[in-house]
Amino acid sequence: MKYKSLVYAQASGSVGGLTYSHNKGGLYTRARTIPVNPGSAFQTAVRNLMNTQVNRWSNVLTAAERAAWDVFAANVPVLDALGDAIFLSGINWFVKNNVLRRQSGLGQVDAAPTIFTLADLTAPSFTVSATTDLAAVTFDNTDDWAAEVGGALIPFFSRPQSAGINFFKGPYRVAPEVQGAASPPSSPASIALPFPVAAGNRVFARFVAVRADGRPSPTMRLSAIAV
């Protein structure tokens, strides 16, 4: 149900049996549902990565390293679901950055970034081949991540969806990254999709660039029809 509220200018989340959200049409509510938890091998792997990073924060990082992450967190705002600027905690950033890196096989970064901005990412694009189950990802290899060892462009793809679907929240599955190097990689990159597709399917993607110092870029979302 969509409506104009005399009480809420913005709302996101659940209260009682209602969930509040918004889209381009405005504020709306729906019945609250409890998502299923299939506990797939991929979900379990990510949870284990998170647990490992939380343990590392508490038992491996020094007090000075934790304090440095807190300083980074206090200086780098992010946007919440309503588009408002908020600040994460130091442990949030540490876990977020390193889970992202470890999902892709990139090295652990324990030292907090000393540059208080997110990584830049020029908007990529991609096409999907239903014949080969490959995505051709076009990117700007003059971006900073591309020219450094430890930097990368990390793609996440959805299962194939009907062509008429225009919004997809998740879940996504990580795909092989495009690694940065002293000699930047060439564009486009051919990346194996995590799911088979058929011609006419829509595939949604999330792209995040990471710098060698651990800083991620804002997430970019787009989709393509398999041909």
Protein backbone atom coordinates (compact mmCIF):
# COMPACT_ATOMS: atom_id res chain seq x y z
CA MET A 1 0.00 0.00 0.00
CA LYS A 2 1.35 3.42 -0.93
CA TYR A 3 0.24 6.50 0.97
CA LYS A 4 1.11 10.02 2.08
CA SER A 5 1.87 10.08 5.77
CA LEU A 6 1.00 12.94 8.10
CA VAL A 7 3.40 11.44 10.66
CA TYR A 8 6.45 10.19 8.73
CA ALA A 9 8.42 12.20 6.19
CA GLN A 10 10.66 9.15 5.73
CA ALA A 11 10.51 5.63 7.10
CA SER A 12 12.46 2.41 6.61
CA GLY A 13 12.24 -0.78 8.64
CA SER A 14 9.59 -2.73 10.51
CA VAL A 15 7.21 -1.82 13.32
CA GLY A 16 4.88 -4.54 14.55
CA GLY A 17 3.47 -6.31 11.51
CA LEU A 18 4.30 -3.54 9.01
CA THR A 19 7.46 -2.92 7.03
CA TYR A 20 8.06 0.64 5.77
CA SER A 21 10.06 1.30 2.64
CA HIS A 22 10.13 3.59 -0.39
CA ASN A 23 10.69 3.52 -4.11
CA LYS A 24 10.48 6.04 -6.95
CA GLY A 25 6.72 6.15 -6.43
CA GLY A 26 7.05 7.25 -2.82
CA LEU A 27 6.63 5.81 0.67
CA TYR A 28 4.83 2.47 1.00
CA THR A 29 4.11 -0.27 3.53
CA ARG A 30 3.77 -4.02 3.24
CA ALA A 31 3.12 -6.90 5.59
CA ARG A 32 6.24 -7.85 7.49
CA THR A 33 7.68 -11.21 6.49
CA ILE A 34 10.45 -13.19 8.13
CA PRO A 35 12.96 -14.18 5.46
CA VAL A 36 13.92 -17.80 5.12
CA ASN A 37 17.44 -18.81 6.05
CA PRO A 38 18.50 -21.62 3.71
CA GLY A 39 22.04 -21.64 5.08
CA SER A 40 23.68 -22.37 1.73
CA ALA A 41 27.36 -23.15 1.54
CA PHE A 42 28.01 -19.64 0.19
CA GLN A 43 26.05 -17.97 3.00
CA THR A 44 27.88 -20.07 5.57
CA ALA A 45 31.23 -19.14 4.02
CA VAL A 46 30.45 -15.41 4.30
CA ARG A 47 29.30 -15.79 7.90
CA ASN A 48 32.51 -17.63 8.71
CA LEU A 49 34.50 -14.80 7.12
CA MET A 50 32.63 -12.29 9.26
CA ASN A 51 33.27 -14.32 12.42
CA THR A 52 36.94 -14.56 11.53
CA GLN A 53 37.23 -10.80 11.10
CA VAL A 54 35.38 -10.04 14.35
CA ASN A 55 37.74 -12.40 16.16
CA ARG A 56 40.73 -10.78 14.45
CA TRP A 57 39.55 -7.32 15.55
CA SER A 58 39.37 -8.46 19.17
CA ASN A 59 42.37 -10.77 19.41
CA VAL A 60 44.88 -9.85 16.69
CA LEU A 61 44.70 -6.10 16.07
CA THR A 62 46.52 -3.87 18.50
CA ALA A 63 44.75 -1.11 20.39
CA ALA A 64 46.46 1.42 18.12
CA GLU A 65 45.20 -0.37 14.99
CA ARG A 66 41.65 -0.45 16.33
CA ALA A 67 41.86 3.24 17.21
CA ALA A 68 43.02 4.03 13.67
CA TRP A 69 39.95 2.29 12.24
CA ASP A 70 37.78 4.35 14.60
CA VAL A 71 39.42 7.51 13.27
CA PHE A 72 38.73 6.42 9.69
CA ALA A 73 35.12 5.64 10.59
CA ALA A 74 34.61 9.04 12.21
CA ASN A 75 35.74 10.79 9.03
CA VAL A 76 33.98 8.78 6.31
CA PRO A 77 30.17 9.03 6.16
CA VAL A 78 28.03 6.64 4.12
CA LEU A 79 24.43 6.92 2.93
CA ASP A 80 21.71 4.85 4.60
CA ALA A 81 18.57 3.41 2.99
CA LEU A 82 16.89 6.83 3.06
CA GLY A 83 19.86 8.63 1.53
CA ASP A 84 20.95 10.24 4.80
CA ALA A 85 24.62 10.41 5.79
CA ILE A 86 25.52 8.16 8.72
CA PHE A 87 28.77 7.01 10.32
CA LEU A 88 29.72 3.37 10.80
CA SER A 89 31.95 2.17 13.62
CA GLY A 90 35.59 1.21 13.25
CA ILE A 91 34.82 -2.49 13.58
CA ASN A 92 32.06 -2.14 10.98
CA TRP A 93 34.56 -0.78 8.46
CA PHE A 94 37.23 -3.33 9.34
CA VAL A 95 34.86 -6.27 8.92
CA LYS A 96 33.13 -4.84 5.84
CA ASN A 97 36.37 -4.12 3.99
CA ASN A 98 38.12 -7.38 4.79
CA VAL A 99 35.13 -9.67 4.18
CA LEU A 100 34.83 -8.04 0.76
CA ARG A 101 38.52 -8.62 0.09
CA ARG A 102 38.64 -12.17 1.40
CA GLN A 103 35.59 -13.18 -0.65
CA SER A 104 37.71 -12.42 -3.69
CA GLY A 105 40.94 -13.92 -2.43
CA LEU A 106 42.60 -10.53 -1.92
CA GLY A 107 45.01 -9.95 0.94
CA GLN A 108 44.01 -9.03 4.47
CA VAL A 109 44.34 -5.34 5.41
CA ASP A 110 44.78 -4.77 9.15
CA ALA A 111 46.08 -1.19 8.98
CA ALA A 112 43.32 1.39 8.65
CA PRO A 113 43.36 3.65 5.59
CA THR A 114 44.85 7.07 6.22
CA ILE A 115 42.99 8.73 3.34
CA PHE A 116 39.50 9.64 4.48
CA THR A 117 37.55 9.12 1.27
CA LEU A 118 36.05 6.10 -0.43
CA ALA A 119 37.67 4.67 -3.54
CA ASP A 120 36.62 6.09 -6.89
CA LEU A 121 34.89 3.93 -9.47
CA THR A 122 34.00 5.05 -12.97
CA ALA A 123 30.66 3.44 -13.85
CA PRO A 124 31.31 0.07 -15.55
CA SER A 125 28.98 -1.67 -18.01
CA PHE A 126 28.52 -5.28 -19.01
CA THR A 127 26.96 -7.60 -21.54
CA VAL A 128 25.97 -11.23 -21.01
CA SER A 129 26.39 -14.17 -23.40
CA ALA A 130 23.85 -16.97 -23.00
CA THR A 131 26.05 -19.13 -25.22
CA THR A 132 29.14 -19.02 -23.00
CA ASP A 133 27.71 -17.91 -19.61
CA LEU A 134 30.28 -15.12 -19.61
CA ALA A 135 29.93 -11.43 -18.81
CA ALA A 136 32.02 -8.93 -20.75
CA VAL A 137 32.70 -6.17 -18.22
CA THR A 138 33.85 -2.81 -19.58
CA PHE A 139 35.68 -0.59 -17.08
CA ASP A 140 37.98 2.42 -16.97
CA ASN A 141 41.52 1.15 -16.47
CA THR A 142 42.70 4.63 -15.55
CA ASP A 143 40.87 4.35 -12.21
CA ASP A 144 43.31 4.18 -9.30
CA TRP A 145 42.37 0.62 -8.28
CA ALA A 146 43.46 -0.68 -11.69
CA ALA A 147 47.02 0.62 -11.39
CA GLU A 148 47.98 -0.90 -8.03
CA VAL A 149 48.70 -4.40 -6.78
CA GLY A 150 46.03 -5.19 -4.21
CA GLY A 151 43.39 -3.12 -5.95
CA ALA A 152 40.52 -4.80 -7.75
CA LEU A 153 37.09 -4.48 -9.33
CA ILE A 154 34.80 -7.02 -7.64
CA PRO A 155 31.59 -8.06 -9.44
CA PHE A 156 28.55 -9.75 -7.91
CA PHE A 157 25.82 -11.24 -10.13
CA SER A 158 22.25 -12.37 -9.54
CA ARG A 159 20.57 -15.54 -10.65
CA PRO A 160 18.87 -15.00 -14.01
CA GLN A 161 15.58 -13.12 -13.76
CA SER A 162 12.67 -12.49 -16.14
CA ALA A 163 13.33 -9.66 -18.56
CA GLY A 164 10.42 -7.68 -17.12
CA ILE A 165 11.97 -7.50 -13.65
CA ASN A 166 13.43 -4.03 -13.13
CA PHE A 167 14.42 -4.13 -9.45
CA PHE A 168 16.48 -6.75 -7.64
CA LYS A 169 17.62 -6.50 -4.04
CA GLY A 170 19.49 -9.79 -3.76
CA PRO A 171 21.00 -12.20 -3.11
CA TYR A 172 24.04 -11.76 -5.33
CA ARG A 173 27.01 -14.10 -5.65
CA VAL A 174 30.59 -12.93 -6.02
CA ALA A 175 32.34 -13.63 -9.32
CA PRO A 176 36.05 -13.56 -10.23
CA GLU A 177 37.54 -10.10 -9.70
CA VAL A 178 39.53 -7.95 -12.11
CA GLN A 179 42.82 -7.42 -10.32
CA GLY A 180 44.82 -4.23 -10.46
CA ALA A 181 48.50 -4.31 -11.40
CA ALA A 182 51.40 -1.99 -12.11
CA SER A 183 50.38 -2.37 -15.76
CA PRO A 184 46.59 -1.91 -15.57
CA PRO A 185 44.37 -4.70 -16.93
CA SER A 186 42.75 -4.29 -20.33
CA SER A 187 39.05 -3.64 -20.73
CA PRO A 188 36.71 -5.41 -21.28
CA ALA A 189 37.28 -8.35 -18.95
CA SER A 190 35.62 -11.71 -19.59
CA ILE A 191 34.14 -12.99 -16.32
CA ALA A 192 32.47 -16.35 -15.71
CA LEU A 193 28.96 -15.94 -14.35
CA PRO A 194 28.13 -17.86 -11.16
CA PHE A 195 24.82 -19.08 -12.69
CA PRO A 196 23.88 -20.37 -16.14
CA VAL A 197 21.65 -18.04 -18.17
CA ALA A 198 19.37 -18.28 -21.19
CA ALA A 199 18.84 -15.74 -23.93
CA GLY A 200 16.35 -13.12 -22.79
CA ASN A 201 17.12 -13.47 -19.07
CA ARG A 202 17.93 -10.32 -17.15
CA VAL A 203 21.06 -10.46 -14.99
CA PHE A 204 21.60 -7.91 -12.24
CA ALA A 205 25.07 -6.94 -11.08
CA ARG A 206 26.77 -5.06 -8.27
CA PHE A 207 30.27 -3.67 -8.76
CA VAL A 208 32.65 -2.50 -6.03
CA ALA A 209 36.22 -1.31 -6.51
CA VAL A 210 38.72 -1.77 -3.68
CA ARG A 211 42.02 0.00 -3.21
CA ALA A 212 45.18 -1.68 -1.91
CA ASP A 213 44.79 0.18 1.40
CA GLY A 214 41.39 -1.44 1.95
CA ARG A 215 39.07 1.38 0.92
CA PRO A 216 36.01 0.28 -1.09
CA SER A 217 34.10 2.40 -3.56
CA PRO A 218 30.36 3.03 -3.37
CA THR A 219 28.43 0.11 -4.87
CA MET A 220 27.17 0.49 -8.43
CA ARG A 221 24.17 -1.54 -9.58
CA LEU A 222 23.06 -2.28 -13.14
CA SER A 223 21.56 -5.03 -15.27
CA ALA A 224 21.79 -6.53 -18.73
CA ILE A 225 19.73 -8.87 -20.90
CA ALA A 226 21.50 -12.08 -21.94
CA VAL A 227 21.90 -12.54 -25.70
